[in-house]
Amino acid sequence: MKKGFTLAEILITLSIVGVVAVLTIPSVMKSYKNRMYTAKLEKVYSQLTNATNAVMNDERVDNFYETQAGKVPAKNTQGDYTAGFPYLVNNYFKMTKKDCLDSSEPCATKGVGTYKTVTGVAVGGFPTSYCVQTVNGVTICGVYNNANKCMSVGVDVNGMEGPNIPGRDVFSMDIHKDGSISDFGSNCNDNFFGCEPASCTKGTTTNAFTAACGCLSAIIDSGWKMEY
């Protein structure tokens, strides 16, 4: 006669499985989400690099800031952008929303409280910039600093969907003269130095661009892994 498990043994086993699940599932889910955020970041990083190189090739120059996309935003009489970051994204990305910062159907916001650092500090959202949302649900915002002739880009890999934490789903970067992309804070100089990777978790910042400073470098240095 085969001996089966008693009800008490089954209940004890299920209890142990339940405890293990409670302890491990949150960690597994966090790891999964971080990998998802990183994969989306790597993709949009590649798309931005391809776009900057494409506009340089189309206009036959080797300096991004000599292209129409690398200039101060400008419109024609019909209201279409003929220069600047809006020109870049409107012509080299597929989008579902345009100019959607703080719009009636926003893809990003400037408001304080919507965004928090990885340490839980409430910060302002994206600075005044032109924002779009791609067909993949990614928000991309760009701002041109006329003082140092630098274009900076903020990315929220899942748009307005949470957690809206710089360093998790929100990142910032600069576009260099050769069309390459580096971490925010380099001022687009040729030295390619932005914030140190350790800056990513400090949380003493004013908006989503500066709060994410250092996070892109940390992820790239780790082989496109979020290890902080």
C-alpha atoms as a PDB file:
ATOM      1  CA  MET A   1       0.000   0.000   0.000  1.00  0.00           C
ATOM      2  CA  LYS A   2       1.438   3.394  -1.027  1.00  0.00           C
ATOM      3  CA  LYS A   3       1.612   6.020   1.631  1.00  0.00           C
ATOM      4  CA  GLY A   4       0.485   9.553   0.578  1.00  0.00           C
ATOM      5  CA  PHE A   5       0.987  12.937   2.156  1.00  0.00           C
ATOM      6  CA  THR A   6      -1.216  13.893   5.052  1.00  0.00           C
ATOM      7  CA  LEU A   7      -3.249  17.091   4.963  1.00  0.00           C
ATOM      8  CA  ALA A   8      -1.018  18.562   7.677  1.00  0.00           C
ATOM      9  CA  GLU A   9       2.127  17.890   5.615  1.00  0.00           C
ATOM     10  CA  ILE A  10       0.570  19.485   2.522  1.00  0.00           C
ATOM     11  CA  LEU A  11      -0.460  22.575   4.501  1.00  0.00           C
ATOM     12  CA  ILE A  12       3.020  22.910   6.011  1.00  0.00           C
ATOM     13  CA  THR A  13       4.581  22.632   2.540  1.00  0.00           C
ATOM     14  CA  LEU A  14       2.229  25.243   1.103  1.00  0.00           C
ATOM     15  CA  SER A  15       3.004  27.548   4.026  1.00  0.00           C
ATOM     16  CA  ILE A  16       6.738  27.261   3.371  1.00  0.00           C
ATOM     17  CA  VAL A  17       6.228  27.923  -0.339  1.00  0.00           C
ATOM     18  CA  GLY A  18       4.113  30.957   0.532  1.00  0.00           C
ATOM     19  CA  VAL A  19       6.757  32.399   2.843  1.00  0.00           C
ATOM     20  CA  VAL A  20       9.489  31.894   0.226  1.00  0.00           C
ATOM     21  CA  ALA A  21       7.301  33.547  -2.403  1.00  0.00           C
ATOM     22  CA  VAL A  22       6.606  36.571  -0.176  1.00  0.00           C
ATOM     23  CA  LEU A  23      10.338  36.997   0.424  1.00  0.00           C
ATOM     24  CA  THR A  24      11.518  36.515  -3.159  1.00  0.00           C
ATOM     25  CA  ILE A  25       8.786  37.826  -5.487  1.00  0.00           C
ATOM     26  CA  PRO A  26       9.337  41.556  -4.720  1.00  0.00           C
ATOM     27  CA  SER A  27      13.052  41.197  -5.455  1.00  0.00           C
ATOM     28  CA  VAL A  28      12.362  39.257  -8.646  1.00  0.00           C
ATOM     29  CA  MET A  29       9.804  41.840  -9.808  1.00  0.00           C
ATOM     30  CA  LYS A  30      12.191  44.734  -9.097  1.00  0.00           C
ATOM     31  CA  SER A  31      14.953  42.992 -11.028  1.00  0.00           C
ATOM     32  CA  TYR A  32      12.581  42.312 -13.935  1.00  0.00           C
ATOM     33  CA  LYS A  33      11.398  45.927 -14.074  1.00  0.00           C
ATOM     34  CA  ASN A  34      14.957  47.253 -13.923  1.00  0.00           C
ATOM     35  CA  ARG A  35      15.937  45.005 -16.831  1.00  0.00           C
ATOM     36  CA  MET A  36      12.886  46.215 -18.766  1.00  0.00           C
ATOM     37  CA  TYR A  37      13.750  49.880 -18.118  1.00  0.00           C
ATOM     38  CA  THR A  38      17.360  49.290 -19.134  1.00  0.00           C
ATOM     39  CA  ALA A  39      16.378  47.504 -22.344  1.00  0.00           C
ATOM     40  CA  LYS A  40      14.103  50.400 -23.319  1.00  0.00           C
ATOM     41  CA  LEU A  41      16.821  52.915 -22.465  1.00  0.00           C
ATOM     42  CA  GLU A  42      19.370  51.079 -24.599  1.00  0.00           C
ATOM     43  CA  LYS A  43      16.930  51.046 -27.513  1.00  0.00           C
ATOM     44  CA  VAL A  44      16.101  54.766 -27.374  1.00  0.00           C
ATOM     45  CA  TYR A  45      19.808  55.566 -26.874  1.00  0.00           C
ATOM     46  CA  SER A  46      20.489  53.689 -30.110  1.00  0.00           C
ATOM     47  CA  GLN A  47      17.578  55.419 -31.862  1.00  0.00           C
ATOM     48  CA  LEU A  48      18.827  58.849 -30.831  1.00  0.00           C
ATOM     49  CA  THR A  49      22.334  58.020 -32.013  1.00  0.00           C
ATOM     50  CA  ASN A  50      20.948  56.771 -35.323  1.00  0.00           C
ATOM     51  CA  ALA A  51      18.838  59.932 -35.701  1.00  0.00           C
ATOM     52  CA  THR A  52      21.745  62.308 -35.083  1.00  0.00           C
ATOM     53  CA  ASN A  53      23.919  60.400 -37.537  1.00  0.00           C
ATOM     54  CA  ALA A  54      21.104  60.248 -40.092  1.00  0.00           C
ATOM     55  CA  VAL A  55      20.553  64.007 -40.105  1.00  0.00           C
ATOM     56  CA  MET A  56      24.316  64.563 -40.426  1.00  0.00           C
ATOM     57  CA  ASN A  57      24.444  62.173 -43.383  1.00  0.00           C
ATOM     58  CA  ASP A  58      21.374  63.715 -44.989  1.00  0.00           C
ATOM     59  CA  GLU A  59      22.861  67.203 -44.735  1.00  0.00           C
ATOM     60  CA  ARG A  60      26.387  66.014 -45.545  1.00  0.00           C
ATOM     61  CA  VAL A  61      28.177  67.481 -42.555  1.00  0.00           C
ATOM     62  CA  ASP A  62      30.288  65.895 -39.817  1.00  0.00           C
ATOM     63  CA  ASN A  63      29.156  68.248 -37.040  1.00  0.00           C
ATOM     64  CA  PHE A  64      25.682  67.747 -35.598  1.00  0.00           C
ATOM     65  CA  TYR A  65      25.518  71.420 -34.655  1.00  0.00           C
ATOM     66  CA  GLU A  66      25.897  72.401 -38.290  1.00  0.00           C
ATOM     67  CA  THR A  67      22.664  70.575 -39.155  1.00  0.00           C
ATOM     68  CA  GLN A  68      19.210  72.079 -38.965  1.00  0.00           C
ATOM     69  CA  ALA A  69      18.502  69.763 -36.037  1.00  0.00           C
ATOM     70  CA  GLY A  70      21.432  71.136 -34.042  1.00  0.00           C
ATOM     71  CA  LYS A  71      20.250  74.738 -34.119  1.00  0.00           C
ATOM     72  CA  VAL A  72      17.879  76.860 -32.033  1.00  0.00           C
ATOM     73  CA  PRO A  73      14.275  75.694 -32.686  1.00  0.00           C
ATOM     74  CA  ALA A  74      12.598  77.628 -35.510  1.00  0.00           C
ATOM     75  CA  LYS A  75       9.323  77.436 -37.452  1.00  0.00           C
ATOM     76  CA  ASN A  76       8.247  78.413 -40.940  1.00  0.00           C
ATOM     77  CA  THR A  77       5.161  80.474 -41.763  1.00  0.00           C
ATOM     78  CA  GLN A  78       3.030  77.314 -41.797  1.00  0.00           C
ATOM     79  CA  GLY A  79       4.020  76.571 -38.201  1.00  0.00           C
ATOM     80  CA  ASP A  80       6.211  73.578 -39.036  1.00  0.00           C
ATOM     81  CA  TYR A  81       9.543  73.245 -37.260  1.00  0.00           C
ATOM     82  CA  THR A  82      12.485  73.801 -39.601  1.00  0.00           C
ATOM     83  CA  ALA A  83      15.260  73.643 -37.012  1.00  0.00           C
ATOM     84  CA  GLY A  84      16.168  72.414 -33.561  1.00  0.00           C
ATOM     85  CA  PHE A  85      15.262  69.386 -31.504  1.00  0.00           C
ATOM     86  CA  PRO A  86      11.628  69.443 -32.707  1.00  0.00           C
ATOM     87  CA  TYR A  87      12.914  69.146 -36.277  1.00  0.00           C
ATOM     88  CA  LEU A  88      15.041  66.130 -35.284  1.00  0.00           C
ATOM     89  CA  VAL A  89      12.296  64.131 -33.570  1.00  0.00           C
ATOM     90  CA  ASN A  90       9.512  65.165 -35.959  1.00  0.00           C
ATOM     91  CA  ASN A  91      11.503  63.936 -38.954  1.00  0.00           C
ATOM     92  CA  TYR A  92      13.427  60.971 -37.585  1.00  0.00           C
ATOM     93  CA  PHE A  93      11.033  59.357 -35.096  1.00  0.00           C
ATOM     94  CA  LYS A  94       7.558  57.861 -35.322  1.00  0.00           C
ATOM     95  CA  MET A  95       5.318  59.525 -32.762  1.00  0.00           C
ATOM     96  CA  THR A  96       1.866  59.436 -31.263  1.00  0.00           C
ATOM     97  CA  LYS A  97       2.137  62.829 -29.503  1.00  0.00           C
ATOM     98  CA  LYS A  98       3.951  66.072 -30.290  1.00  0.00           C
ATOM     99  CA  ASP A  99       4.745  69.046 -28.059  1.00  0.00           C
ATOM    100  CA  CYS A 100       3.178  67.217 -25.119  1.00  0.00           C
ATOM    101  CA  LEU A 101       4.913  68.726 -22.087  1.00  0.00           C
ATOM    102  CA  ASP A 102       2.119  69.812 -19.727  1.00  0.00           C
ATOM    103  CA  SER A 103      -0.387  69.571 -22.573  1.00  0.00           C
ATOM    104  CA  SER A 104      -4.008  68.470 -22.270  1.00  0.00           C
ATOM    105  CA  GLU A 105      -2.749  64.910 -22.799  1.00  0.00           C
ATOM    106  CA  PRO A 106       0.754  65.189 -21.347  1.00  0.00           C
ATOM    107  CA  CYS A 107       3.627  62.820 -21.991  1.00  0.00           C
ATOM    108  CA  ALA A 108       5.714  64.650 -19.352  1.00  0.00           C
ATOM    109  CA  THR A 109       5.247  67.428 -16.827  1.00  0.00           C
ATOM    110  CA  LYS A 110       7.244  70.198 -15.158  1.00  0.00           C
ATOM    111  CA  GLY A 111       5.350  69.875 -11.885  1.00  0.00           C
ATOM    112  CA  VAL A 112       7.036  69.063  -8.594  1.00  0.00           C
ATOM    113  CA  GLY A 113       5.874  65.844  -6.968  1.00  0.00           C
ATOM    114  CA  THR A 114       5.296  63.781 -10.089  1.00  0.00           C
ATOM    115  CA  TYR A 115       8.950  62.773 -10.057  1.00  0.00           C
ATOM    116  CA  LYS A 116      11.078  61.499  -7.185  1.00  0.00           C
ATOM    117  CA  THR A 117      14.733  60.527  -7.003  1.00  0.00           C
ATOM    118  CA  VAL A 118      15.867  56.991  -6.187  1.00  0.00           C
ATOM    119  CA  THR A 119      16.240  58.180  -2.582  1.00  0.00           C
ATOM    120  CA  GLY A 120      12.642  59.426  -2.458  1.00  0.00           C
ATOM    121  CA  VAL A 121      13.320  63.166  -2.799  1.00  0.00           C
ATOM    122  CA  ALA A 122      10.525  64.999  -4.668  1.00  0.00           C
ATOM    123  CA  VAL A 123      11.897  66.985  -7.607  1.00  0.00           C
ATOM    124  CA  GLY A 124      10.507  69.042 -10.450  1.00  0.00           C
ATOM    125  CA  GLY A 125       9.747  67.281 -13.698  1.00  0.00           C
ATOM    126  CA  PHE A 126      11.225  68.054 -17.075  1.00  0.00           C
ATOM    127  CA  PRO A 127      12.486  71.613 -17.619  1.00  0.00           C
ATOM    128  CA  THR A 128      10.846  73.696 -20.334  1.00  0.00           C
ATOM    129  CA  SER A 129      11.476  71.680 -23.466  1.00  0.00           C
ATOM    130  CA  TYR A 130       9.870  70.208 -26.564  1.00  0.00           C
ATOM    131  CA  CYS A 131       8.542  66.734 -25.794  1.00  0.00           C
ATOM    132  CA  VAL A 132       7.161  63.917 -27.922  1.00  0.00           C
ATOM    133  CA  GLN A 133       5.914  60.417 -27.256  1.00  0.00           C
ATOM    134  CA  THR A 134       7.006  57.682 -29.629  1.00  0.00           C
ATOM    135  CA  VAL A 135       4.924  54.778 -30.898  1.00  0.00           C
ATOM    136  CA  ASN A 136       6.710  52.657 -28.272  1.00  0.00           C
ATOM    137  CA  GLY A 137       5.372  54.854 -25.460  1.00  0.00           C
ATOM    138  CA  VAL A 138       8.723  56.526 -24.772  1.00  0.00           C
ATOM    139  CA  THR A 139       8.773  60.236 -23.911  1.00  0.00           C
ATOM    140  CA  ILE A 140      11.689  62.197 -25.374  1.00  0.00           C
ATOM    141  CA  CYS A 141      12.242  65.855 -24.432  1.00  0.00           C
ATOM    142  CA  GLY A 142      14.952  68.126 -25.797  1.00  0.00           C
ATOM    143  CA  VAL A 143      16.219  71.550 -24.811  1.00  0.00           C
ATOM    144  CA  TYR A 144      18.852  73.713 -26.511  1.00  0.00           C
ATOM    145  CA  ASN A 145      21.189  75.738 -24.309  1.00  0.00           C
ATOM    146  CA  ASN A 146      22.184  78.713 -26.401  1.00  0.00           C
ATOM    147  CA  ALA A 147      24.870  79.748 -23.891  1.00  0.00           C
ATOM    148  CA  ASN A 148      27.057  76.703 -24.532  1.00  0.00           C
ATOM    149  CA  LYS A 149      25.510  75.559 -27.839  1.00  0.00           C
ATOM    150  CA  CYS A 150      24.487  72.273 -26.284  1.00  0.00           C
ATOM    151  CA  MET A 151      21.400  70.121 -26.811  1.00  0.00           C
ATOM    152  CA  SER A 152      20.304  68.022 -23.862  1.00  0.00           C
ATOM    153  CA  VAL A 153      17.724  65.264 -23.993  1.00  0.00           C
ATOM    154  CA  GLY A 154      15.541  63.765 -21.279  1.00  0.00           C
ATOM    155  CA  VAL A 155      13.954  60.338 -21.714  1.00  0.00           C
ATOM    156  CA  ASP A 156      11.159  58.637 -19.797  1.00  0.00           C
ATOM    157  CA  VAL A 157      11.142  55.087 -21.120  1.00  0.00           C
ATOM    158  CA  ASN A 158       7.467  54.517 -20.271  1.00  0.00           C
ATOM    159  CA  GLY A 159       6.013  58.005 -20.553  1.00  0.00           C
ATOM    160  CA  MET A 160       3.750  59.207 -17.742  1.00  0.00           C
ATOM    161  CA  GLU A 161       3.417  55.692 -16.373  1.00  0.00           C
ATOM    162  CA  GLY A 162       5.179  55.209 -13.018  1.00  0.00           C
ATOM    163  CA  PRO A 163       7.414  55.057 -11.193  1.00  0.00           C
ATOM    164  CA  ASN A 164       8.709  58.339 -12.744  1.00  0.00           C
ATOM    165  CA  ILE A 165      11.999  58.038 -10.904  1.00  0.00           C
ATOM    166  CA  PRO A 166      15.157  59.518 -12.460  1.00  0.00           C
ATOM    167  CA  GLY A 167      17.588  56.649 -12.645  1.00  0.00           C
ATOM    168  CA  ARG A 168      14.834  54.017 -12.960  1.00  0.00           C
ATOM    169  CA  ASP A 169      12.649  55.005 -15.907  1.00  0.00           C
ATOM    170  CA  VAL A 170      13.874  58.592 -16.428  1.00  0.00           C
ATOM    171  CA  PHE A 171      17.293  59.487 -17.870  1.00  0.00           C
ATOM    172  CA  SER A 172      19.114  62.493 -19.322  1.00  0.00           C
ATOM    173  CA  MET A 173      21.917  62.915 -21.851  1.00  0.00           C
ATOM    174  CA  ASP A 174      23.794  65.355 -24.086  1.00  0.00           C
ATOM    175  CA  ILE A 175      24.378  65.292 -27.853  1.00  0.00           C
ATOM    176  CA  HIS A 176      27.974  65.876 -28.980  1.00  0.00           C
ATOM    177  CA  LYS A 177      29.248  67.466 -32.158  1.00  0.00           C
ATOM    178  CA  ASP A 178      30.003  64.079 -33.743  1.00  0.00           C
ATOM    179  CA  GLY A 179      26.433  62.920 -33.074  1.00  0.00           C
ATOM    180  CA  SER A 180      27.340  60.657 -30.190  1.00  0.00           C
ATOM    181  CA  ILE A 181      25.420  60.635 -26.907  1.00  0.00           C
ATOM    182  CA  SER A 182      26.837  60.892 -23.393  1.00  0.00           C
ATOM    183  CA  ASP A 183      25.519  61.483 -19.900  1.00  0.00           C
ATOM    184  CA  PHE A 184      23.906  64.799 -19.031  1.00  0.00           C
ATOM    185  CA  GLY A 185      26.189  67.523 -17.692  1.00  0.00           C
ATOM    186  CA  SER A 186      29.014  67.238 -20.223  1.00  0.00           C
ATOM    187  CA  ASN A 187      27.869  70.503 -21.861  1.00  0.00           C
ATOM    188  CA  CYS A 188      28.474  68.784 -25.214  1.00  0.00           C
ATOM    189  CA  ASN A 189      32.239  69.322 -24.977  1.00  0.00           C
ATOM    190  CA  ASP A 190      34.629  66.874 -26.586  1.00  0.00           C
ATOM    191  CA  ASN A 191      35.864  65.532 -23.241  1.00  0.00           C
ATOM    192  CA  PHE A 192      32.610  63.522 -22.870  1.00  0.00           C
ATOM    193  CA  PHE A 193      32.628  63.982 -19.102  1.00  0.00           C
ATOM    194  CA  GLY A 194      29.171  64.230 -17.579  1.00  0.00           C
ATOM    195  CA  CYS A 195      28.183  63.475 -14.019  1.00  0.00           C
ATOM    196  CA  GLU A 196      30.045  60.738 -12.210  1.00  0.00           C
ATOM    197  CA  PRO A 197      28.035  57.484 -12.003  1.00  0.00           C
ATOM    198  CA  ALA A 198      27.853  57.892  -8.216  1.00  0.00           C
ATOM    199  CA  SER A 199      25.882  61.125  -8.698  1.00  0.00           C
ATOM    200  CA  CYS A 200      22.893  59.058  -9.787  1.00  0.00           C
ATOM    201  CA  THR A 201      21.800  58.121  -6.272  1.00  0.00           C
ATOM    202  CA  LYS A 202      22.568  61.359  -4.399  1.00  0.00           C
ATOM    203  CA  GLY A 203      19.150  62.909  -4.952  1.00  0.00           C
ATOM    204  CA  THR A 204      20.109  66.561  -4.281  1.00  0.00           C
ATOM    205  CA  THR A 205      18.660  68.051  -7.461  1.00  0.00           C
ATOM    206  CA  THR A 206      16.052  70.401  -8.884  1.00  0.00           C
ATOM    207  CA  ASN A 207      14.459  68.587 -11.846  1.00  0.00           C
ATOM    208  CA  ALA A 208      14.283  65.281 -13.681  1.00  0.00           C
ATOM    209  CA  PHE A 209      17.198  66.153 -16.000  1.00  0.00           C
ATOM    210  CA  THR A 210      19.658  66.864 -13.203  1.00  0.00           C
ATOM    211  CA  ALA A 211      18.273  64.139 -10.937  1.00  0.00           C
ATOM    212  CA  ALA A 212      19.133  61.520 -13.555  1.00  0.00           C
ATOM    213  CA  CYS A 213      22.644  62.859 -14.084  1.00  0.00           C
ATOM    214  CA  GLY A 214      25.177  60.041 -13.779  1.00  0.00           C
ATOM    215  CA  CYS A 215      22.656  57.224 -14.212  1.00  0.00           C
ATOM    216  CA  LEU A 216      23.270  56.693 -17.920  1.00  0.00           C
ATOM    217  CA  SER A 217      27.019  56.429 -17.293  1.00  0.00           C
ATOM    218  CA  ALA A 218      26.459  53.982 -14.438  1.00  0.00           C
ATOM    219  CA  ILE A 219      24.320  51.728 -16.623  1.00  0.00           C
ATOM    220  CA  ILE A 220      26.672  51.824 -19.621  1.00  0.00           C
ATOM    221  CA  ASP A 221      29.712  51.191 -17.389  1.00  0.00           C
ATOM    222  CA  SER A 222      27.919  48.110 -16.009  1.00  0.00           C
ATOM    223  CA  GLY A 223      27.290  46.686 -19.472  1.00  0.00           C
ATOM    224  CA  TRP A 224      23.742  48.047 -19.771  1.00  0.00           C
ATOM    225  CA  LYS A 225      22.732  46.799 -16.348  1.00  0.00           C
ATOM    226  CA  MET A 226      21.083  48.746 -13.516  1.00  0.00           C
ATOM    227  CA  GLU A 227      23.226  47.740 -10.572  1.00  0.00           C
ATOM    228  CA  TYR A 228      22.739  50.703  -8.257  1.00  0.00           C
END
